[in-house]
N, C-alpha and C. Protein backbone atom coordinates (compact mmCIF):
# COMPACT_ATOMS: atom_id res chain seq x y z
N MET A 1 14.62 5.46 -2.97
CA MET A 1 14.56 3.95 -3.51
C MET A 1 13.50 3.71 -5.04
N LYS A 2 14.42 3.12 -5.97
CA LYS A 2 13.91 2.82 -6.85
C LYS A 2 13.58 1.39 -6.94
N ASN A 3 12.57 1.05 -7.79
CA ASN A 3 11.67 -0.32 -7.51
C ASN A 3 11.93 -0.71 -8.95
N THR A 4 12.78 -1.91 -9.01
CA THR A 4 13.16 -2.57 -10.28
C THR A 4 12.78 -4.16 -10.02
N ASP A 5 13.07 -4.53 -11.21
CA ASP A 5 12.66 -5.65 -11.44
C ASP A 5 13.38 -7.00 -10.36
N LYS A 6 15.01 -6.85 -10.43
CA LYS A 6 15.74 -7.52 -9.44
C LYS A 6 16.01 -7.39 -8.09
N GLU A 7 15.65 -6.00 -7.76
CA GLU A 7 15.39 -5.44 -6.61
C GLU A 7 14.28 -5.91 -5.63
N VAL A 8 14.48 -6.62 -4.36
CA VAL A 8 13.76 -7.50 -3.56
C VAL A 8 13.34 -5.93 -2.55
N ILE A 9 11.98 -5.85 -2.53
CA ILE A 9 11.43 -4.86 -1.29
C ILE A 9 10.32 -5.53 -0.69
N MET A 10 10.61 -5.44 0.67
CA MET A 10 9.75 -6.02 1.37
C MET A 10 8.65 -5.34 1.73
N PHE A 11 7.49 -5.88 2.09
CA PHE A 11 5.99 -5.46 2.60
C PHE A 11 6.19 -4.97 3.78
N ASP A 12 7.01 -5.57 4.77
CA ASP A 12 7.32 -4.57 6.15
C ASP A 12 8.88 -3.73 6.47
N SER A 13 9.13 -3.54 5.40
CA SER A 13 10.61 -2.72 5.19
C SER A 13 9.97 -1.41 5.77
N PRO A 14 11.24 -0.84 6.97
CA PRO A 14 10.54 0.25 7.96
C PRO A 14 11.01 1.56 7.20
N ASP A 15 11.05 1.91 6.30
CA ASP A 15 11.46 2.88 4.96
C ASP A 15 11.01 2.75 4.04
N LEU A 16 9.94 2.21 3.56
CA LEU A 16 9.43 1.87 2.35
C LEU A 16 8.36 2.83 2.47
N VAL A 17 7.83 3.03 3.42
CA VAL A 17 6.24 4.41 3.29
C VAL A 17 6.39 5.51 4.45
N GLU A 18 6.28 7.02 4.33
CA GLU A 18 6.32 7.56 5.27
C GLU A 18 4.99 8.18 5.54
N TYR A 19 4.86 8.60 6.46
CA TYR A 19 3.45 9.37 6.78
C TYR A 19 3.74 10.81 6.83
N ARG A 20 2.81 11.02 5.92
CA ARG A 20 3.45 12.66 5.56
C ARG A 20 2.25 13.39 6.44
N THR A 21 2.77 14.70 7.17
CA THR A 21 1.49 15.27 7.81
C THR A 21 1.35 16.11 7.45
N ASN A 22 2.15 16.83 6.20
CA ASN A 22 1.23 17.81 5.14
C ASN A 22 -0.03 17.08 4.71
N LEU A 23 -0.29 15.99 4.49
CA LEU A 23 -1.16 15.72 3.45
C LEU A 23 -2.22 14.71 4.88
N GLU A 24 -1.61 14.48 5.91
CA GLU A 24 -2.43 13.20 6.83
C GLU A 24 -2.52 12.19 6.34
N GLY A 25 -1.55 11.69 5.60
CA GLY A 25 -1.29 10.17 4.99
C GLY A 25 -0.42 9.47 4.54
N TRP A 26 -0.82 8.40 4.11
CA TRP A 26 0.87 7.87 3.46
C TRP A 26 1.01 7.41 2.31
N THR A 27 2.09 7.82 2.29
CA THR A 27 2.98 7.37 0.43
C THR A 27 4.23 6.64 0.43
N GLY A 28 4.54 6.69 -0.49
CA GLY A 28 5.72 5.54 -0.86
C GLY A 28 6.36 6.40 -1.92
N PRO A 29 7.50 5.35 -2.46
CA PRO A 29 8.41 5.85 -3.42
C PRO A 29 7.84 6.34 -4.55
N ASP A 30 6.72 5.73 -4.84
CA ASP A 30 5.97 5.90 -6.18
C ASP A 30 5.36 7.42 -5.62
N ARG A 31 5.45 8.26 -4.78
CA ARG A 31 4.89 9.36 -4.32
C ARG A 31 3.33 9.93 -4.73
N LEU A 32 2.43 8.79 -4.36
CA LEU A 32 1.07 8.99 -4.56
C LEU A 32 0.87 8.44 -3.08
N TYR A 33 -0.35 9.56 -2.85
CA TYR A 33 -0.84 9.26 -1.65
C TYR A 33 -2.36 8.34 -1.47
N TYR A 34 -2.27 7.27 -0.28
CA TYR A 34 -2.85 5.83 -0.17
C TYR A 34 -3.32 6.29 1.46
N GLY A 35 -4.09 7.94 1.84
CA GLY A 35 -4.77 7.67 2.85
C GLY A 35 -4.28 7.47 4.23
N LYS A 36 -5.59 7.66 5.24
CA LYS A 36 -4.77 7.75 6.37
C LYS A 36 -5.08 6.39 6.88
N GLY A 37 -4.30 6.31 8.20
CA GLY A 37 -4.57 5.04 9.23
C GLY A 37 -4.12 3.90 8.86
N GLU A 38 -4.24 2.69 9.38
CA GLU A 38 -3.44 1.16 9.12
C GLU A 38 -3.96 1.19 7.66
N GLU A 39 -5.28 1.08 7.24
CA GLU A 39 -5.51 0.93 5.85
C GLU A 39 -4.70 1.35 5.03
N GLY A 40 -4.26 2.97 4.84
CA GLY A 40 -3.83 3.30 4.11
C GLY A 40 -2.30 3.34 3.96
N GLU A 41 -1.56 2.68 5.29
CA GLU A 41 -0.58 2.53 5.45
C GLU A 41 -0.47 1.27 4.23
N ARG A 42 -1.38 0.14 4.51
CA ARG A 42 -1.19 -1.15 4.25
C ARG A 42 -1.04 -0.97 2.50
N ARG A 43 -1.89 -0.01 2.37
CA ARG A 43 -2.02 0.14 0.78
C ARG A 43 -0.71 0.65 0.01
N ALA A 44 -0.31 1.79 0.66
CA ALA A 44 1.07 2.31 0.49
C ALA A 44 2.22 1.13 0.32
N ARG A 45 2.12 0.36 1.30
CA ARG A 45 2.90 -0.94 1.67
C ARG A 45 2.85 -1.76 0.31
N HIS A 46 1.62 -2.19 -0.16
CA HIS A 46 1.45 -3.20 -1.11
C HIS A 46 1.62 -2.51 -2.14
N ALA A 47 1.49 -1.49 -2.30
CA ALA A 47 1.72 -0.96 -3.91
C ALA A 47 3.11 -0.59 -4.36
N ASN A 48 3.81 -0.30 -3.27
CA ASN A 48 5.49 0.15 -3.14
C ASN A 48 6.23 -1.43 -2.98
N CYS A 49 5.42 -2.33 -2.13
CA CYS A 49 6.80 -3.47 -2.42
C CYS A 49 6.79 -4.29 -3.53
N THR A 50 7.74 -5.16 -3.59
CA THR A 50 7.72 -6.67 -4.57
C THR A 50 7.58 -7.85 -3.89
N HIS A 51 7.95 -8.02 -2.81
CA HIS A 51 7.67 -9.29 -1.62
C HIS A 51 7.20 -8.80 -0.33
N LYS A 52 6.66 -10.10 0.10
CA LYS A 52 6.24 -10.45 1.19
C LYS A 52 6.65 -11.56 1.93
N LEU A 53 6.23 -11.99 3.33
CA LEU A 53 6.43 -12.96 4.29
C LEU A 53 5.08 -13.88 3.97
N CYS A 54 4.97 -14.93 3.48
CA CYS A 54 4.15 -16.14 3.99
C CYS A 54 3.88 -16.13 4.97
N GLU A 55 2.72 -16.76 5.45
CA GLU A 55 2.44 -17.33 7.39
C GLU A 55 3.22 -18.27 7.60
N CYS A 56 4.08 -18.94 6.70
CA CYS A 56 5.48 -19.95 7.06
C CYS A 56 6.54 -19.01 7.56
N GLY A 57 6.65 -17.78 6.86
CA GLY A 57 7.78 -17.32 7.37
C GLY A 57 8.64 -16.93 5.92
N LYS A 58 8.44 -17.61 4.96
CA LYS A 58 9.15 -17.83 3.78
C LYS A 58 8.78 -16.32 2.75
N VAL A 59 9.80 -15.91 2.40
CA VAL A 59 9.59 -14.70 1.39
C VAL A 59 9.03 -14.98 -0.02
N MET A 60 8.18 -14.19 -0.18
CA MET A 60 7.40 -14.63 -1.90
C MET A 60 6.69 -13.24 -2.55
N ASP A 61 6.63 -13.47 -3.96
CA ASP A 61 6.23 -12.39 -4.59
C ASP A 61 5.07 -11.81 -3.98
N LYS A 62 4.92 -10.46 -3.67
CA LYS A 62 3.63 -10.16 -3.07
C LYS A 62 2.43 -10.38 -3.93
N THR A 63 2.30 -11.09 -5.23
CA THR A 63 0.91 -10.96 -5.68
C THR A 63 0.26 -12.57 -5.45
N HIS A 64 1.21 -13.18 -4.74
CA HIS A 64 0.52 -14.16 -4.40
C HIS A 64 -0.14 -14.65 -2.84
N SER A 65 -0.63 -15.22 -2.13
CA SER A 65 -1.18 -15.34 -1.00
C SER A 65 -1.05 -16.38 -0.10
N MET A 66 0.17 -17.51 -0.92
CA MET A 66 1.06 -18.51 -0.09
C MET A 66 2.36 -18.38 -1.01
N CYS A 67 3.11 -19.00 -0.32
CA CYS A 67 4.24 -19.43 -1.15
C CYS A 67 4.34 -21.05 -1.97
N ARG A 68 4.86 -20.98 -2.59
CA ARG A 68 4.96 -22.29 -3.73
C ARG A 68 4.77 -23.62 -2.71
N ASP A 69 5.99 -23.76 -1.78
CA ASP A 69 5.53 -24.68 -1.17
C ASP A 69 4.40 -24.68 -0.03
N CYS A 70 3.70 -23.88 0.44
CA CYS A 70 2.29 -24.10 1.45
C CYS A 70 1.59 -24.26 0.27
N ILE A 71 1.79 -23.58 -0.87
CA ILE A 71 0.49 -24.26 -1.89
C ILE A 71 0.62 -25.44 -2.07
N ASN A 72 1.65 -25.74 -2.77
CA ASN A 72 1.89 -27.33 -2.76
C ASN A 72 1.68 -28.33 -1.97
N GLU A 73 1.61 -27.97 -0.58
CA GLU A 73 1.22 -28.84 0.78
C GLU A 73 -0.34 -28.29 0.81
N MET A 74 -0.85 -27.34 0.72
CA MET A 74 -2.27 -27.47 0.82
C MET A 74 -2.99 -28.28 -0.58
N GLN A 75 -2.55 -28.51 -2.06
CA GLN A 75 -3.08 -28.96 -3.09
C GLN A 75 -2.72 -30.54 -2.26
N ASP A 76 -1.78 -30.94 -1.95
CA ASP A 76 -1.60 -32.56 -1.51
C ASP A 76 -2.07 -33.01 -0.79
N LYS A 77 -2.78 -32.27 0.24
CA LYS A 77 -3.89 -32.57 1.47
C LYS A 77 -5.35 -32.58 0.73
N ARG A 78 -5.56 -31.84 0.07
CA ARG A 78 -6.62 -31.68 -0.88
C ARG A 78 -6.55 -32.98 -1.70
N PHE A 79 -5.62 -33.47 -2.42
CA PHE A 79 -5.54 -34.47 -3.47
C PHE A 79 -6.00 -35.68 -2.61
N LYS A 80 -5.30 -35.77 -1.31
CA LYS A 80 -5.20 -37.02 -0.25
C LYS A 80 -6.66 -37.24 -0.10
N LYS A 81 -7.16 -36.01 -0.01
CA LYS A 81 -8.91 -36.55 0.54
C LYS A 81 -9.88 -36.68 -0.28
N LEU A 82 -9.27 -36.98 -1.39
CA LEU A 82 -10.17 -37.43 -2.67
C LEU A 82 -10.47 -38.94 -2.39
N ASP A 83 -11.43 -39.15 -3.21
CA ASP A 83 -11.93 -40.68 -2.64
C ASP A 83 -10.97 -41.48 -4.05
N GLU A 84 -10.46 -42.60 -3.70
CA GLU A 84 -9.71 -43.47 -4.54
C GLU A 84 -10.42 -44.42 -5.77
N ILE A 85 -10.67 -44.25 -6.82
CA ILE A 85 -11.78 -45.34 -7.35
C ILE A 85 -10.89 -46.21 -8.06
N GLU A 86 -11.29 -47.19 -8.69
CA GLU A 86 -10.62 -48.08 -9.58
C GLU A 86 -11.05 -47.49 -10.96
N TRP A 87 -10.28 -47.45 -12.27
CA TRP A 87 -10.29 -47.26 -13.49
C TRP A 87 -11.20 -48.26 -14.09
N ASP A 88 -12.16 -47.52 -15.06
CA ASP A 88 -12.86 -48.54 -15.51
C ASP A 88 -12.67 -48.98 -16.81
N GLY A 89 -11.67 -48.44 -17.54
CA GLY A 89 -10.81 -49.14 -18.43
C GLY A 89 -10.92 -48.35 -19.46
N GLU A 90 -12.25 -47.28 -19.55
CA GLU A 90 -12.66 -46.33 -20.83
C GLU A 90 -12.74 -44.90 -20.42
N SER A 91 -13.11 -44.48 -19.12
CA SER A 91 -13.02 -42.91 -19.05
C SER A 91 -11.45 -42.56 -19.16
N TYR A 92 -11.33 -41.44 -19.35
CA TYR A 92 -10.12 -40.79 -19.37
C TYR A 92 -9.64 -40.01 -17.77
N MET A 93 -8.62 -40.51 -18.06
CA MET A 93 -7.73 -40.10 -16.32
C MET A 93 -7.20 -38.79 -16.82
N CYS A 94 -7.10 -38.03 -15.84
CA CYS A 94 -5.77 -37.19 -15.82
C CYS A 94 -5.41 -36.41 -14.33
N LEU A 95 -4.20 -35.67 -14.84
CA LEU A 95 -3.18 -35.39 -13.63
C LEU A 95 -4.22 -34.49 -12.64
N TYR A 96 -3.89 -34.53 -11.84
CA TYR A 96 -4.25 -33.75 -10.34
C TYR A 96 -4.40 -32.37 -11.09
N HIS A 97 -4.70 -31.21 -10.86
CA HIS A 97 -4.20 -29.91 -11.45
C HIS A 97 -3.69 -29.49 -12.61
N ASP A 98 -4.19 -30.51 -13.75
CA ASP A 98 -3.10 -30.19 -14.71
C ASP A 98 -4.23 -30.37 -15.76
N ASN A 99 -3.88 -30.11 -17.35
CA ASN A 99 -4.83 -30.34 -18.33
C ASN A 99 -4.20 -31.77 -19.05
N ARG A 100 -3.26 -32.47 -18.42
CA ARG A 100 -2.90 -33.26 -19.01
C ARG A 100 -3.85 -34.94 -19.45
N PHE A 101 -4.51 -35.51 -20.04
CA PHE A 101 -5.44 -36.44 -20.14
C PHE A 101 -4.72 -37.58 -20.87
N PHE A 102 -5.48 -38.62 -20.30
CA PHE A 102 -4.53 -39.82 -20.82
C PHE A 102 -6.17 -40.66 -20.87
N GLY A 103 -5.90 -41.45 -22.10
CA GLY A 103 -7.14 -42.86 -23.00
C GLY A 103 -6.89 -43.56 -22.33
N ASP A 104 -5.49 -44.40 -22.23
CA ASP A 104 -4.97 -45.62 -21.92
C ASP A 104 -3.87 -45.79 -20.65
N MET A 105 -3.74 -46.86 -20.59
CA MET A 105 -2.52 -47.05 -19.91
C MET A 105 -1.44 -46.85 -20.25
N ASP A 106 -1.42 -47.15 -22.02
CA ASP A 106 0.06 -47.08 -22.18
C ASP A 106 0.39 -45.39 -22.42
N GLU A 107 -0.51 -44.72 -22.59
CA GLU A 107 -0.14 -43.01 -22.61
C GLU A 107 0.16 -42.63 -21.17
N VAL A 108 -0.13 -43.54 -20.12
CA VAL A 108 0.49 -42.86 -18.61
C VAL A 108 2.08 -43.47 -18.89
N PHE A 109 1.99 -44.61 -19.19
CA PHE A 109 3.23 -45.37 -19.09
C PHE A 109 4.30 -44.62 -19.83
N GLU A 110 4.13 -43.98 -20.98
CA GLU A 110 4.58 -43.22 -21.92
C GLU A 110 5.28 -41.78 -21.33
N TYR A 111 4.19 -40.98 -21.17
CA TYR A 111 4.28 -39.72 -19.96
C TYR A 111 5.36 -40.31 -18.84
N CYS A 112 5.02 -40.99 -18.06
CA CYS A 112 6.35 -41.59 -16.95
C CYS A 112 7.39 -41.81 -17.51
N ASP A 113 7.54 -42.44 -18.72
CA ASP A 113 8.88 -42.59 -19.11
C ASP A 113 9.59 -41.18 -19.89
N ASP A 114 8.72 -40.53 -20.27
CA ASP A 114 9.27 -39.07 -20.64
C ASP A 114 9.64 -38.23 -19.57
N GLU A 115 8.81 -38.33 -18.55
CA GLU A 115 9.12 -37.25 -17.13
C GLU A 115 10.25 -37.77 -16.52
N ASP A 116 10.66 -39.39 -16.19
CA ASP A 116 11.50 -39.76 -15.55
C ASP A 116 10.93 -39.98 -14.39
N ILE A 117 9.46 -40.69 -14.11
CA ILE A 117 8.67 -41.17 -13.01
C ILE A 117 8.79 -42.57 -12.90
N ASP A 118 8.86 -43.07 -11.84
CA ASP A 118 9.07 -44.66 -11.84
C ASP A 118 7.71 -45.22 -11.52
N CYS A 119 7.34 -46.05 -12.90
CA CYS A 119 5.61 -46.18 -12.43
C CYS A 119 5.89 -47.57 -12.65
N ASP A 120 6.75 -48.31 -12.07
CA ASP A 120 6.96 -49.87 -12.14
C ASP A 120 6.01 -50.46 -11.45
N PHE A 121 5.78 -50.26 -10.28
CA PHE A 121 4.65 -50.51 -9.51
C PHE A 121 3.18 -50.33 -10.14
N CYS A 122 2.77 -50.22 -10.78
CA CYS A 122 1.56 -50.05 -11.52
C CYS A 122 1.54 -51.07 -13.03
N ARG A 123 2.57 -51.21 -13.06
CA ARG A 123 3.02 -52.28 -14.53
C ARG A 123 2.17 -53.57 -14.44
N GLU A 124 1.27 -54.08 -15.03
CA GLU A 124 0.99 -55.38 -14.67
C GLU A 124 1.77 -56.33 -15.55
N GLY A 125 2.00 -57.59 -14.73
CA GLY A 125 2.73 -58.65 -15.45
C GLY A 125 4.35 -58.36 -15.18
């Protein structure tokens, strides 16, 4: 089994790793030894897979702890817990989870126009 960028190799694939009795431990297609027991199997699987399942059941890259949908949902919940305050007209504003800052409402409107975001509800007059 060759690990390529285009091939999806799931963490729980039954034929991904094998227990080698002559080594008394787990190995994978990379032919490295990962140790005995459940921890050795987990390490061998993680090293040799490309993807795993998120808690929600969606397939995701093995380097992430959650899929994009779950991350977005978690971030939305955190954002909604933040206190809403009235803008003082002087402080910089920023997008949540972004390095984009705005010094006045004209910059906000320009950004919304550029990104095709409807912000008519917040325009005065």
